[in-house]
Amino acid sequence: MEEEQQQKKSIYEDIPESRPVVLYVRGRYNRNQGTNIFVVGGVGLGKSSQCQRLGELIQQDNLEKNLKIWIVNSFEELCLAVQQAKPGDIIIIEEVSVLFSSRRSMSGDNVGMGFVYDTIRSKRLCLISNCPVWNSVDSHMRSMGNVLIVAFHIDREEGVVLSKLYKLDPNPVSGRIYTPRMKYKGELVDYIYTRMPNLDIWKEYELTKKEKFDELIQEQLFKARKRKEKAKSERKLDKEEIIEDVRQNINKSSIELAKSNDVSERTIQRIRRDLGGKPKTTKK
């Protein structure tokens, strides 16, 4: 058992942590290009921690540039981060499929993202986005991707997330996106690994995420109350319209009024009693 554990450790020790990704980002930066990385995988596979750790590794590879990591949870936060970021900074988008869903491809935010990408390219920023399913992201965003990282296992003993690494190669004619494996020192990369990010920053991020979740809950509760108040107001308005219809058509039978207003005959009779009129029915 000890020999197996030592062998596992030696494998991680022999392979630099996510080095192919770091070198790829550096190469694109030197060619005046930004980098768009997608991290996908099932729930609980460490996507968020992997995004932050990748950001730290890119930071460490460019200490002289004093790069900053921005973590955003909304389109507004993304726009502010892109506007204020300096060349080379790292921006992490949490749950990108929620913000820019493929089901809302023509929404304002999705369309606006195209303009944001222009700034990302010009500033040579590194964008790292995570989501459970890659195809759930807006197709335009996917076509602008450069790297796809698929988390598939957490080695809890070592505190390591293992992932597959692919390069994104879109065909501009067919629209199909190919995913060839990336190379490192002339050889295909089987997998990469990331360790836990800085714990202090991670705790701060978790606290921020909780605050965002609380804000989201309050926002949804507020919207639910507004919908309820609107429905109640509409029901009140409908009732007033029915009462006015009964008042204006006193010679009509309760059955006729009930059919025209899509209510029961008993409701019409009750309204007529409240108005002080005698219920009028048609003999069957």
Protein backbone atom coordinates (compact mmCIF):
# COMPACT_ATOMS: atom_id res chain seq x y z
CA MET A 1 0.00 0.00 0.00
CA GLU A 2 2.85 2.38 0.90
CA GLU A 3 4.62 1.55 -2.38
CA GLU A 4 1.46 2.41 -4.37
CA GLN A 5 1.14 5.71 -2.49
CA GLN A 6 4.78 6.56 -3.15
CA GLN A 7 4.35 5.69 -6.82
CA LYS A 8 1.28 7.97 -7.04
CA LYS A 9 3.21 10.82 -5.42
CA SER A 10 6.14 10.35 -7.74
CA ILE A 11 3.81 10.64 -10.74
CA TYR A 12 2.53 14.02 -9.55
CA GLU A 13 6.02 15.17 -8.59
CA ASP A 14 7.45 14.31 -11.99
CA ILE A 15 4.78 16.26 -13.89
CA PRO A 16 4.73 20.07 -13.46
CA GLU A 17 1.29 21.21 -12.29
CA SER A 18 -0.85 22.13 -15.33
CA ARG A 19 2.28 23.31 -17.13
CA PRO A 20 0.88 22.77 -20.66
CA VAL A 21 -1.95 25.22 -19.94
CA VAL A 22 0.35 27.84 -18.41
CA LEU A 23 2.75 27.69 -21.38
CA TYR A 24 -0.14 27.86 -23.85
CA VAL A 25 -1.51 31.02 -22.18
CA ARG A 26 1.97 32.56 -22.12
CA GLY A 27 2.49 31.79 -25.81
CA ARG A 28 -0.78 33.41 -26.83
CA TYR A 29 -0.03 36.47 -24.68
CA ASN A 30 3.35 36.87 -26.39
CA ARG A 31 1.56 36.74 -29.75
CA ASN A 32 -0.79 39.54 -28.59
CA GLN A 33 -3.72 37.16 -28.09
CA GLY A 34 -6.07 36.49 -25.21
CA THR A 35 -7.01 32.99 -24.04
CA ASN A 36 -10.49 31.56 -23.45
CA ILE A 37 -10.48 28.43 -21.26
CA PHE A 38 -13.51 26.28 -20.42
CA VAL A 39 -13.47 23.96 -17.39
CA VAL A 40 -16.30 21.42 -17.39
CA GLY A 41 -17.22 18.37 -15.33
CA GLY A 42 -19.81 16.87 -13.01
CA VAL A 43 -21.02 18.38 -9.76
CA GLY A 44 -18.43 18.24 -6.98
CA LEU A 45 -15.42 17.57 -9.19
CA GLY A 46 -13.57 20.72 -8.15
CA LYS A 47 -14.21 22.97 -11.15
CA SER A 48 -14.26 26.21 -9.15
CA SER A 49 -11.10 25.39 -7.21
CA GLN A 50 -9.40 24.31 -10.44
CA CYS A 51 -10.25 27.62 -12.13
CA GLN A 52 -8.80 29.58 -9.24
CA ARG A 53 -5.70 27.39 -9.08
CA LEU A 54 -5.09 27.80 -12.82
CA GLY A 55 -5.31 31.55 -12.31
CA GLU A 56 -2.71 31.35 -9.54
CA LEU A 57 -0.35 29.28 -11.71
CA ILE A 58 -0.64 31.82 -14.54
CA GLN A 59 0.02 34.57 -11.98
CA GLN A 60 3.15 32.78 -10.74
CA ASP A 61 4.39 32.40 -14.31
CA ASN A 62 4.18 36.18 -14.76
CA LEU A 63 5.27 37.60 -11.40
CA GLU A 64 6.80 40.67 -13.03
CA LYS A 65 3.40 41.64 -14.51
CA ASN A 66 1.63 41.62 -11.09
CA LEU A 67 -1.50 40.05 -12.62
CA LYS A 68 -4.85 40.14 -10.86
CA ILE A 69 -7.53 37.44 -10.65
CA TRP A 70 -11.12 38.63 -11.05
CA ILE A 71 -14.02 36.31 -10.12
CA VAL A 72 -17.39 37.34 -11.57
CA ASN A 73 -20.92 36.00 -11.22
CA SER A 74 -22.90 38.27 -13.54
CA PHE A 75 -22.63 40.02 -16.90
CA GLU A 76 -22.35 43.42 -15.17
CA GLU A 77 -19.43 42.20 -13.04
CA LEU A 78 -17.78 40.77 -16.14
CA CYS A 79 -18.04 44.07 -18.02
CA LEU A 80 -16.54 45.97 -15.06
CA ALA A 81 -13.72 43.44 -14.71
CA VAL A 82 -12.88 43.59 -18.43
CA GLN A 83 -12.97 47.40 -18.34
CA GLN A 84 -10.69 47.70 -15.29
CA ALA A 85 -8.35 44.78 -16.00
CA LYS A 86 -4.85 45.39 -17.26
CA PRO A 87 -3.21 43.29 -20.02
CA GLY A 88 -2.74 39.67 -18.99
CA ASP A 89 -5.16 39.66 -16.05
CA ILE A 90 -7.23 36.53 -15.35
CA ILE A 91 -11.04 36.65 -15.21
CA ILE A 92 -12.97 33.65 -13.84
CA ILE A 93 -16.66 33.26 -14.75
CA GLU A 94 -18.62 31.04 -12.37
CA GLU A 95 -21.38 28.89 -13.92
CA VAL A 96 -21.04 30.40 -17.38
CA SER A 97 -23.90 28.23 -18.74
CA VAL A 98 -26.28 30.04 -16.38
CA LEU A 99 -25.13 33.51 -17.48
CA PHE A 100 -24.79 32.70 -21.20
CA SER A 101 -27.04 29.75 -21.90
CA SER A 102 -27.39 28.15 -25.33
CA ARG A 103 -31.18 28.39 -24.86
CA ARG A 104 -30.94 32.20 -24.80
CA SER A 105 -28.57 32.65 -27.73
CA MET A 106 -30.18 35.91 -28.89
CA SER A 107 -30.63 37.51 -25.46
CA GLY A 108 -29.09 40.90 -24.77
CA ASP A 109 -26.29 39.54 -22.54
CA ASN A 110 -25.30 36.86 -25.06
CA VAL A 111 -25.18 39.41 -27.88
CA GLY A 112 -23.26 41.85 -25.69
CA MET A 113 -20.70 39.16 -24.93
CA GLY A 114 -19.46 39.44 -28.51
CA PHE A 115 -18.40 43.03 -27.88
CA VAL A 116 -16.78 42.04 -24.57
CA TYR A 117 -14.67 39.46 -26.41
CA ASP A 118 -13.18 42.21 -28.56
CA THR A 119 -11.81 43.89 -25.43
CA ILE A 120 -10.63 40.57 -24.02
CA ARG A 121 -8.58 39.99 -27.19
CA SER A 122 -7.18 43.50 -27.32
CA LYS A 123 -6.11 43.39 -23.65
CA ARG A 124 -4.78 39.82 -23.99
CA LEU A 125 -6.83 38.72 -20.97
CA CYS A 126 -7.18 35.10 -19.86
CA LEU A 127 -10.83 34.11 -19.43
CA ILE A 128 -11.50 30.93 -17.42
CA SER A 129 -15.13 29.77 -17.32
CA ASN A 130 -16.67 26.73 -15.65
CA CYS A 131 -19.94 24.84 -16.08
CA PRO A 132 -21.17 21.22 -15.79
CA VAL A 133 -21.95 20.70 -19.50
CA TRP A 134 -20.04 22.47 -22.26
CA ASN A 135 -22.85 22.27 -24.87
CA SER A 136 -25.14 24.22 -22.54
CA VAL A 137 -23.00 27.34 -23.17
CA ASP A 138 -23.89 29.80 -25.92
CA SER A 139 -22.58 28.53 -29.28
CA HIS A 140 -20.81 31.81 -30.11
CA MET A 141 -18.88 31.65 -26.84
CA ARG A 142 -17.89 28.04 -27.50
CA SER A 143 -16.65 28.92 -30.96
CA MET A 144 -14.39 31.58 -29.38
CA GLY A 145 -12.83 29.03 -26.99
CA ASN A 146 -9.19 27.95 -27.08
CA VAL A 147 -8.84 25.30 -24.37
CA LEU A 148 -11.24 22.70 -22.94
CA ILE A 149 -10.44 21.09 -19.58
CA VAL A 150 -12.64 18.17 -18.51
CA ALA A 151 -12.40 17.34 -14.80
CA PHE A 152 -12.98 13.63 -14.21
CA HIS A 153 -11.57 12.66 -10.79
CA ILE A 154 -10.56 14.04 -7.39
CA ASP A 155 -7.67 12.35 -5.62
CA ARG A 156 -8.66 13.35 -2.10
CA GLU A 157 -5.61 11.77 -0.49
CA GLU A 158 -3.34 14.02 -2.52
CA GLY A 159 -5.74 16.97 -2.76
CA VAL A 160 -5.53 16.88 -6.54
CA VAL A 161 -8.09 17.34 -9.35
CA LEU A 162 -7.35 15.26 -12.45
CA SER A 163 -8.55 16.49 -15.84
CA LYS A 164 -8.34 15.79 -19.55
CA LEU A 165 -6.88 18.56 -21.68
CA TYR A 166 -8.02 19.48 -25.19
CA LYS A 167 -7.38 22.25 -27.66
CA LEU A 168 -10.48 23.78 -29.26
CA ASP A 169 -10.29 23.96 -33.04
CA PRO A 170 -13.50 25.32 -34.66
CA ASN A 171 -14.22 24.82 -38.36
CA PRO A 172 -15.42 28.24 -39.64
CA VAL A 173 -17.35 26.62 -42.51
CA SER A 174 -19.21 23.74 -40.86
CA GLY A 175 -19.34 25.30 -37.41
CA ARG A 176 -18.13 22.06 -35.86
CA ILE A 177 -15.60 22.35 -33.02
CA TYR A 178 -12.86 19.73 -32.95
CA THR A 179 -11.06 18.80 -29.72
CA PRO A 180 -7.58 17.43 -30.43
CA ARG A 181 -5.41 16.60 -27.43
CA MET A 182 -2.77 19.15 -26.53
CA LYS A 183 0.95 18.46 -26.63
CA TYR A 184 3.68 19.13 -24.08
CA LYS A 185 7.34 18.78 -25.09
CA GLY A 186 6.27 17.06 -28.30
CA GLU A 187 4.07 14.42 -26.62
CA LEU A 188 0.30 14.19 -26.25
CA VAL A 189 -0.95 15.11 -22.79
CA ASP A 190 -2.92 12.31 -21.11
CA TYR A 191 -4.10 14.43 -18.20
CA ILE A 192 -3.23 17.45 -16.09
CA TYR A 193 -3.69 18.02 -12.39
CA THR A 194 -4.30 21.00 -10.13
CA ARG A 195 -3.88 21.27 -6.39
CA MET A 196 -5.98 23.35 -4.01
CA PRO A 197 -5.72 27.13 -4.47
CA ASN A 198 -4.59 29.53 -1.76
CA LEU A 199 -6.81 28.64 1.22
CA ASP A 200 -7.26 32.23 2.44
CA ILE A 201 -8.39 33.38 -0.99
CA TRP A 202 -10.52 30.25 -1.35
CA LYS A 203 -12.32 30.90 1.97
CA GLU A 204 -12.91 34.50 0.93
CA TYR A 205 -14.32 33.27 -2.39
CA GLU A 206 -16.62 30.77 -0.65
CA LEU A 207 -17.90 33.56 1.61
CA THR A 208 -18.51 35.78 -1.43
CA LYS A 209 -20.34 32.94 -3.16
CA LYS A 210 -22.58 32.50 -0.11
CA GLU A 211 -23.35 36.23 -0.09
CA LYS A 212 -24.20 36.06 -3.81
CA PHE A 213 -26.46 33.08 -3.13
CA ASP A 214 -28.25 34.98 -0.34
CA GLU A 215 -28.72 37.94 -2.70
CA LEU A 216 -30.12 35.61 -5.35
CA ILE A 217 -32.59 34.10 -2.85
CA GLN A 218 -33.78 37.56 -1.79
CA GLU A 219 -34.13 38.59 -5.44
CA GLN A 220 -36.18 35.49 -6.28
CA LEU A 221 -38.40 35.99 -3.22
CA PHE A 222 -38.96 39.61 -4.25
CA LYS A 223 -39.90 38.54 -7.79
CA ALA A 224 -42.26 35.88 -6.41
CA ARG A 225 -44.01 38.48 -4.23
CA LYS A 226 -44.33 40.82 -7.21
CA ARG A 227 -45.82 38.04 -9.35
CA LYS A 228 -48.27 37.19 -6.59
CA GLU A 229 -49.29 40.84 -6.16
CA LYS A 230 -49.71 41.23 -9.92
CA ALA A 231 -51.87 38.10 -10.17
CA LYS A 232 -53.98 39.30 -7.24
CA SER A 233 -54.37 42.72 -8.88
CA GLU A 234 -55.37 41.12 -12.18
CA ARG A 235 -57.94 38.91 -10.45
CA LYS A 236 -59.37 41.99 -8.73
CA LEU A 237 -59.51 43.80 -12.07
CA ASP A 238 -61.24 40.84 -13.72
CA LYS A 239 -63.83 40.74 -10.95
CA GLU A 240 -64.54 44.44 -11.34
CA GLU A 241 -65.00 43.96 -15.10
CA ILE A 242 -67.45 41.10 -14.49
CA ILE A 243 -69.41 43.19 -11.99
CA GLU A 244 -69.63 46.02 -14.50
CA ASP A 245 -70.75 43.57 -17.21
CA VAL A 246 -73.53 42.27 -14.93
CA ARG A 247 -74.58 45.83 -14.13
CA GLN A 248 -74.72 46.82 -17.81
CA ASN A 249 -76.55 43.67 -18.94
CA ILE A 250 -79.25 43.37 -16.33
CA ASN A 251 -81.69 41.84 -18.84
CA LYS A 252 -79.40 38.93 -19.67
CA SER A 253 -79.81 35.65 -17.84
CA SER A 254 -77.28 34.43 -15.29
CA ILE A 255 -76.43 31.50 -17.56
CA GLU A 256 -75.62 33.79 -20.50
CA LEU A 257 -73.50 36.09 -18.33
CA ALA A 258 -71.70 33.13 -16.77
CA LYS A 259 -70.75 31.75 -20.21
CA SER A 260 -69.60 35.10 -21.60
CA ASN A 261 -67.39 35.78 -18.55
CA ASP A 262 -66.17 32.20 -18.10
CA VAL A 263 -67.42 31.91 -14.52
CA SER A 264 -70.05 29.84 -12.77
CA GLU A 265 -73.73 30.78 -12.75
CA ARG A 266 -73.59 30.91 -8.96
CA THR A 267 -70.91 33.63 -9.16
CA ILE A 268 -73.17 35.78 -11.38
CA GLN A 269 -76.11 35.27 -9.01
CA ARG A 270 -73.97 36.27 -6.03
CA ILE A 271 -72.84 39.44 -7.83
CA ARG A 272 -76.44 40.30 -8.66
CA ARG A 273 -77.47 39.87 -5.03
CA ASP A 274 -74.59 42.13 -3.93
CA LEU A 275 -75.77 44.72 -6.47
CA GLY A 276 -79.24 44.55 -5.02
CA GLY A 277 -80.84 43.06 -8.12
CA LYS A 278 -82.95 39.95 -8.36
CA PRO A 279 -81.11 36.90 -9.76
CA LYS A 280 -82.34 36.22 -13.29
CA THR A 281 -82.09 32.67 -14.64
CA THR A 282 -83.32 30.94 -17.73
CA LYS A 283 -85.72 28.09 -17.30
CA LYS A 284 -84.35 24.78 -18.45
